[in-house]
């Protein structure tokens, strides 16, 4: 895992902790901020995962499309692993 991915995960965790702290408040303003912080934490985490798997996500990608692009990359990995496994089985037998 590269350093940029680790930094994004650390950012996601920090935003999550800030949001979690804000949730404990009875002030409506803090609760509004908590929702924004938690959403930013999820987005930062998903961007880190997308970078790690090599999904093509840019600044215009809609939030719900993150999962689609990441799933496509993971499916590509699985297909490659399956074909490598089949090739290994065929060469051994």
C-alpha atoms as a PDB file:
ATOM      1  CA  UNK A   1       0.000   0.000   0.000  1.00  0.00           C
ATOM      2  CA  UNK A   2       1.471   3.350  -0.961  1.00  0.00           C
ATOM      3  CA  UNK A   3       1.823   6.348   1.348  1.00  0.00           C
ATOM      4  CA  UNK A   4      -0.930   8.383  -0.344  1.00  0.00           C
ATOM      5  CA  UNK A   5      -3.467   5.613   0.253  1.00  0.00           C
ATOM      6  CA  UNK A   6      -2.406   5.414   3.893  1.00  0.00           C
ATOM      7  CA  UNK A   7      -2.763   9.189   4.256  1.00  0.00           C
ATOM      8  CA  UNK A   8      -6.258   9.069   2.776  1.00  0.00           C
ATOM      9  CA  UNK A   9      -7.243   6.326   5.192  1.00  0.00           C
ATOM     10  CA  UNK A  10      -5.827   8.385   8.069  1.00  0.00           C
ATOM     11  CA  UNK A  11      -7.832  11.396   6.849  1.00  0.00           C
ATOM     12  CA  UNK A  12     -10.970   9.265   6.693  1.00  0.00           C
ATOM     13  CA  UNK A  13     -10.393   8.059  10.247  1.00  0.00           C
ATOM     14  CA  UNK A  14      -9.767  11.600  11.505  1.00  0.00           C
ATOM     15  CA  UNK A  15     -12.958  12.893   9.853  1.00  0.00           C
ATOM     16  CA  UNK A  16     -14.860   9.939  11.299  1.00  0.00           C
ATOM     17  CA  UNK A  17     -13.601  10.705  14.809  1.00  0.00           C
ATOM     18  CA  UNK A  18     -14.533  14.385  14.441  1.00  0.00           C
ATOM     19  CA  UNK A  19     -18.003  13.423  13.239  1.00  0.00           C
ATOM     20  CA  UNK A  20     -18.406  10.901  16.016  1.00  0.00           C
ATOM     21  CA  UNK A  21     -17.469  13.537  18.592  1.00  0.00           C
ATOM     22  CA  UNK A  22     -19.936  16.012  17.078  1.00  0.00           C
ATOM     23  CA  UNK A  23     -22.708  13.396  17.309  1.00  0.00           C
ATOM     24  CA  UNK A  24     -22.492  13.486  21.102  1.00  0.00           C
ATOM     25  CA  UNK A  25     -23.656  17.106  21.166  1.00  0.00           C
ATOM     26  CA  UNK A  26     -27.232  18.179  21.760  1.00  0.00           C
ATOM     27  CA  UNK A  27     -26.663  21.286  19.632  1.00  0.00           C
ATOM     28  CA  UNK A  28     -28.345  21.013  16.218  1.00  0.00           C
ATOM     29  CA  UNK A  29     -25.464  22.833  14.551  1.00  0.00           C
ATOM     30  CA  UNK A  30     -23.005  20.181  15.757  1.00  0.00           C
ATOM     31  CA  UNK A  31     -25.311  17.428  14.530  1.00  0.00           C
ATOM     32  CA  UNK A  32     -25.443  19.023  11.076  1.00  0.00           C
ATOM     33  CA  UNK A  33     -21.648  19.223  11.073  1.00  0.00           C
ATOM     34  CA  UNK A  34     -21.460  15.575  12.182  1.00  0.00           C
ATOM     35  CA  UNK A  35     -23.443  14.425   9.160  1.00  0.00           C
ATOM     36  CA  UNK A  36     -21.145  16.362   6.824  1.00  0.00           C
ATOM     37  CA  UNK A  37     -18.004  15.054   8.529  1.00  0.00           C
ATOM     38  CA  UNK A  38     -19.207  11.451   8.414  1.00  0.00           C
ATOM     39  CA  UNK A  39     -20.083  11.754   4.735  1.00  0.00           C
ATOM     40  CA  UNK A  40     -16.641  13.214   4.037  1.00  0.00           C
ATOM     41  CA  UNK A  41     -15.060  10.355   5.999  1.00  0.00           C
ATOM     42  CA  UNK A  42     -16.869   7.756   3.903  1.00  0.00           C
ATOM     43  CA  UNK A  43     -15.922   9.529   0.690  1.00  0.00           C
ATOM     44  CA  UNK A  44     -12.252   9.809   1.711  1.00  0.00           C
ATOM     45  CA  UNK A  45     -12.203   6.109   2.575  1.00  0.00           C
ATOM     46  CA  UNK A  46     -13.823   5.122  -0.721  1.00  0.00           C
ATOM     47  CA  UNK A  47     -11.342   7.243  -2.667  1.00  0.00           C
ATOM     48  CA  UNK A  48      -8.496   5.496  -0.819  1.00  0.00           C
ATOM     49  CA  UNK A  49      -9.957   2.098  -1.703  1.00  0.00           C
ATOM     50  CA  UNK A  50     -10.468   3.163  -5.320  1.00  0.00           C
ATOM     51  CA  UNK A  51      -6.858   4.306  -5.543  1.00  0.00           C
ATOM     52  CA  UNK A  52      -5.682   1.061  -3.997  1.00  0.00           C
ATOM     53  CA  UNK A  53      -7.580  -1.118  -6.489  1.00  0.00           C
ATOM     54  CA  UNK A  54      -6.804   1.190  -9.411  1.00  0.00           C
ATOM     55  CA  UNK A  55     -10.364   2.323 -10.129  1.00  0.00           C
ATOM     56  CA  UNK A  56     -10.657   5.401 -12.306  1.00  0.00           C
ATOM     57  CA  UNK A  57     -12.464   7.958 -10.148  1.00  0.00           C
ATOM     58  CA  UNK A  58     -12.108  11.657 -10.869  1.00  0.00           C
ATOM     59  CA  UNK A  59     -13.503  14.774  -9.184  1.00  0.00           C
ATOM     60  CA  UNK A  60     -16.698  14.653 -11.290  1.00  0.00           C
ATOM     61  CA  UNK A  61     -17.582  11.055 -10.432  1.00  0.00           C
ATOM     62  CA  UNK A  62     -20.875  10.806  -8.573  1.00  0.00           C
ATOM     63  CA  UNK A  63     -20.722   9.244  -5.129  1.00  0.00           C
ATOM     64  CA  UNK A  64     -22.836   6.196  -5.986  1.00  0.00           C
ATOM     65  CA  UNK A  65     -20.620   5.393  -8.993  1.00  0.00           C
ATOM     66  CA  UNK A  66     -17.579   4.814  -6.744  1.00  0.00           C
ATOM     67  CA  UNK A  67     -18.859   1.320  -5.960  1.00  0.00           C
ATOM     68  CA  UNK A  68     -19.414   0.507  -9.624  1.00  0.00           C
ATOM     69  CA  UNK A  69     -15.891   1.495 -10.662  1.00  0.00           C
ATOM     70  CA  UNK A  70     -14.318  -0.330  -7.710  1.00  0.00           C
ATOM     71  CA  UNK A  71     -16.377  -3.463  -8.342  1.00  0.00           C
ATOM     72  CA  UNK A  72     -15.299  -3.503 -11.979  1.00  0.00           C
ATOM     73  CA  UNK A  73     -11.646  -3.424 -10.917  1.00  0.00           C
ATOM     74  CA  UNK A  74     -12.143  -6.157  -8.330  1.00  0.00           C
ATOM     75  CA  UNK A  75     -13.937  -8.335 -10.904  1.00  0.00           C
ATOM     76  CA  UNK A  76     -10.982  -7.849 -13.253  1.00  0.00           C
ATOM     77  CA  UNK A  77      -8.640  -9.028 -10.480  1.00  0.00           C
ATOM     78  CA  UNK A  78     -10.790 -12.072  -9.748  1.00  0.00           C
ATOM     79  CA  UNK A  79     -10.993 -12.996 -13.441  1.00  0.00           C
ATOM     80  CA  UNK A  80      -7.213 -12.776 -13.768  1.00  0.00           C
ATOM     81  CA  UNK A  81      -6.727 -14.907 -10.618  1.00  0.00           C
ATOM     82  CA  UNK A  82      -9.224 -17.509 -11.874  1.00  0.00           C
ATOM     83  CA  UNK A  83      -7.510 -17.751 -15.255  1.00  0.00           C
ATOM     84  CA  UNK A  84      -4.087 -18.004 -13.589  1.00  0.00           C
ATOM     85  CA  UNK A  85      -5.456 -20.751 -11.362  1.00  0.00           C
ATOM     86  CA  UNK A  86      -6.869 -22.629 -14.346  1.00  0.00           C
ATOM     87  CA  UNK A  87      -3.590 -22.302 -16.218  1.00  0.00           C
ATOM     88  CA  UNK A  88      -1.698 -23.613 -13.189  1.00  0.00           C
ATOM     89  CA  UNK A  89      -4.090 -26.567 -12.833  1.00  0.00           C
ATOM     90  CA  UNK A  90      -3.725 -27.423 -16.509  1.00  0.00           C
ATOM     91  CA  UNK A  91       0.069 -27.235 -16.415  1.00  0.00           C
ATOM     92  CA  UNK A  92       0.254 -29.424 -13.300  1.00  0.00           C
ATOM     93  CA  UNK A  93      -2.094 -32.104 -14.642  1.00  0.00           C
END
